[in-house]
Amino acid sequence: MGLFDAKSRLSELVRDAESGTTTTILRNGKPVARIVPIEQNAPRKFGFDDGLGYIADDFDAPLPGDFLKAF
């Protein structure tokens, strides 16, 4: 589709993209842009990584004095 036509039919092209159609826009007969549908990611599931991480019981305990001196 030519650039001028694309400008005047943008709403229609966006509607087409929502339904899965890709449109190539031409300037002087050469492709310069595409209007493509955005891939929708599936919603993330809560707890999918349960058990993969570990937090020690004393993770917020004060650091040892010799360790702090290193800073």
C-alpha atoms as a PDB file:
ATOM      1  CA  MET A   1       0.000   0.000   0.000  1.00  0.00           C
ATOM      2  CA  GLY A   2       1.255   3.450  -0.833  1.00  0.00           C
ATOM      3  CA  LEU A   3       2.144   5.928   1.902  1.00  0.00           C
ATOM      4  CA  PHE A   4      -0.635   8.380   1.006  1.00  0.00           C
ATOM      5  CA  ASP A   5      -3.266   5.623   1.097  1.00  0.00           C
ATOM      6  CA  ALA A   6      -1.887   4.321   4.394  1.00  0.00           C
ATOM      7  CA  LYS A   7      -2.161   7.779   5.991  1.00  0.00           C
ATOM      8  CA  SER A   8      -5.789   8.128   4.957  1.00  0.00           C
ATOM      9  CA  ARG A   9      -6.678   4.551   6.021  1.00  0.00           C
ATOM     10  CA  LEU A  10      -4.666   4.244   9.233  1.00  0.00           C
ATOM     11  CA  SER A  11      -7.656   3.282  11.408  1.00  0.00           C
ATOM     12  CA  GLU A  12      -8.533   0.491   8.995  1.00  0.00           C
ATOM     13  CA  LEU A  13      -4.928  -0.750   8.915  1.00  0.00           C
ATOM     14  CA  VAL A  14      -4.778  -0.841  12.717  1.00  0.00           C
ATOM     15  CA  ARG A  15      -8.052  -2.769  12.798  1.00  0.00           C
ATOM     16  CA  ASP A  16      -6.564  -5.220  10.274  1.00  0.00           C
ATOM     17  CA  ALA A  17      -3.448  -5.605  12.432  1.00  0.00           C
ATOM     18  CA  GLU A  18      -5.637  -6.410  15.425  1.00  0.00           C
ATOM     19  CA  SER A  19      -7.093  -9.293  13.434  1.00  0.00           C
ATOM     20  CA  GLY A  20      -3.622 -10.555  12.475  1.00  0.00           C
ATOM     21  CA  THR A  21      -2.950  -8.921   9.095  1.00  0.00           C
ATOM     22  CA  THR A  22       0.445  -7.424   8.259  1.00  0.00           C
ATOM     23  CA  THR A  23       0.539  -4.440   5.887  1.00  0.00           C
ATOM     24  CA  THR A  24       3.649  -3.239   4.058  1.00  0.00           C
ATOM     25  CA  ILE A  25       3.811   0.480   3.268  1.00  0.00           C
ATOM     26  CA  LEU A  26       5.583   1.627   0.125  1.00  0.00           C
ATOM     27  CA  ARG A  27       7.162   4.925  -0.849  1.00  0.00           C
ATOM     28  CA  ASN A  28       7.850   5.311  -4.560  1.00  0.00           C
ATOM     29  CA  GLY A  29       7.214   1.591  -4.974  1.00  0.00           C
ATOM     30  CA  LYS A  30       9.794   0.528  -2.354  1.00  0.00           C
ATOM     31  CA  PRO A  31       8.876  -0.992   1.020  1.00  0.00           C
ATOM     32  CA  VAL A  32       9.667   1.395   3.883  1.00  0.00           C
ATOM     33  CA  ALA A  33       7.520   0.243   6.818  1.00  0.00           C
ATOM     34  CA  ARG A  34       5.189  -2.451   8.103  1.00  0.00           C
ATOM     35  CA  ILE A  35       2.147  -2.375  10.315  1.00  0.00           C
ATOM     36  CA  VAL A  36       2.170  -5.685  12.154  1.00  0.00           C
ATOM     37  CA  PRO A  37       0.081  -7.209  14.933  1.00  0.00           C
ATOM     38  CA  ILE A  38       1.650  -7.212  18.376  1.00  0.00           C
ATOM     39  CA  GLU A  39       2.164 -10.656  19.841  1.00  0.00           C
ATOM     40  CA  GLN A  40       0.114 -10.963  22.993  1.00  0.00           C
ATOM     41  CA  ASN A  41       1.889 -12.857  25.746  1.00  0.00           C
ATOM     42  CA  ALA A  42      -0.101 -15.222  27.903  1.00  0.00           C
ATOM     43  CA  PRO A  43      -0.694 -13.881  31.411  1.00  0.00           C
ATOM     44  CA  ARG A  44       1.973 -14.936  33.865  1.00  0.00           C
ATOM     45  CA  LYS A  45       0.961 -17.609  36.351  1.00  0.00           C
ATOM     46  CA  PHE A  46       1.492 -16.847  40.016  1.00  0.00           C
ATOM     47  CA  GLY A  47       3.876 -19.268  41.696  1.00  0.00           C
ATOM     48  CA  PHE A  48       5.317 -20.812  38.513  1.00  0.00           C
ATOM     49  CA  ASP A  49       8.831 -20.591  39.996  1.00  0.00           C
ATOM     50  CA  ASP A  50       7.882 -21.804  43.464  1.00  0.00           C
ATOM     51  CA  GLY A  51      10.806 -23.614  45.057  1.00  0.00           C
ATOM     52  CA  LEU A  52      13.458 -22.340  42.630  1.00  0.00           C
ATOM     53  CA  GLY A  53      14.875 -19.704  44.965  1.00  0.00           C
ATOM     54  CA  TYR A  54      16.114 -19.756  48.536  1.00  0.00           C
ATOM     55  CA  ILE A  55      16.328 -17.066  51.200  1.00  0.00           C
ATOM     56  CA  ALA A  56      18.282 -17.951  54.328  1.00  0.00           C
ATOM     57  CA  ASP A  57      16.570 -17.469  57.677  1.00  0.00           C
ATOM     58  CA  ASP A  58      19.290 -15.005  58.714  1.00  0.00           C
ATOM     59  CA  PHE A  59      19.490 -13.045  55.442  1.00  0.00           C
ATOM     60  CA  ASP A  60      18.863  -9.754  57.242  1.00  0.00           C
ATOM     61  CA  ALA A  61      21.187 -10.446  60.194  1.00  0.00           C
ATOM     62  CA  PRO A  62      24.075  -8.009  60.775  1.00  0.00           C
ATOM     63  CA  LEU A  63      27.223  -8.754  58.798  1.00  0.00           C
ATOM     64  CA  PRO A  64      30.353  -9.958  60.636  1.00  0.00           C
ATOM     65  CA  GLY A  65      32.699  -7.175  61.764  1.00  0.00           C
ATOM     66  CA  ASP A  66      35.684  -8.358  59.673  1.00  0.00           C
ATOM     67  CA  PHE A  67      33.486  -8.390  56.581  1.00  0.00           C
ATOM     68  CA  LEU A  68      32.300  -4.835  57.239  1.00  0.00           C
ATOM     69  CA  LYS A  69      35.912  -3.612  57.649  1.00  0.00           C
ATOM     70  CA  ALA A  70      36.599  -4.659  54.065  1.00  0.00           C
ATOM     71  CA  PHE A  71      34.301  -1.884  52.913  1.00  0.00           C
END
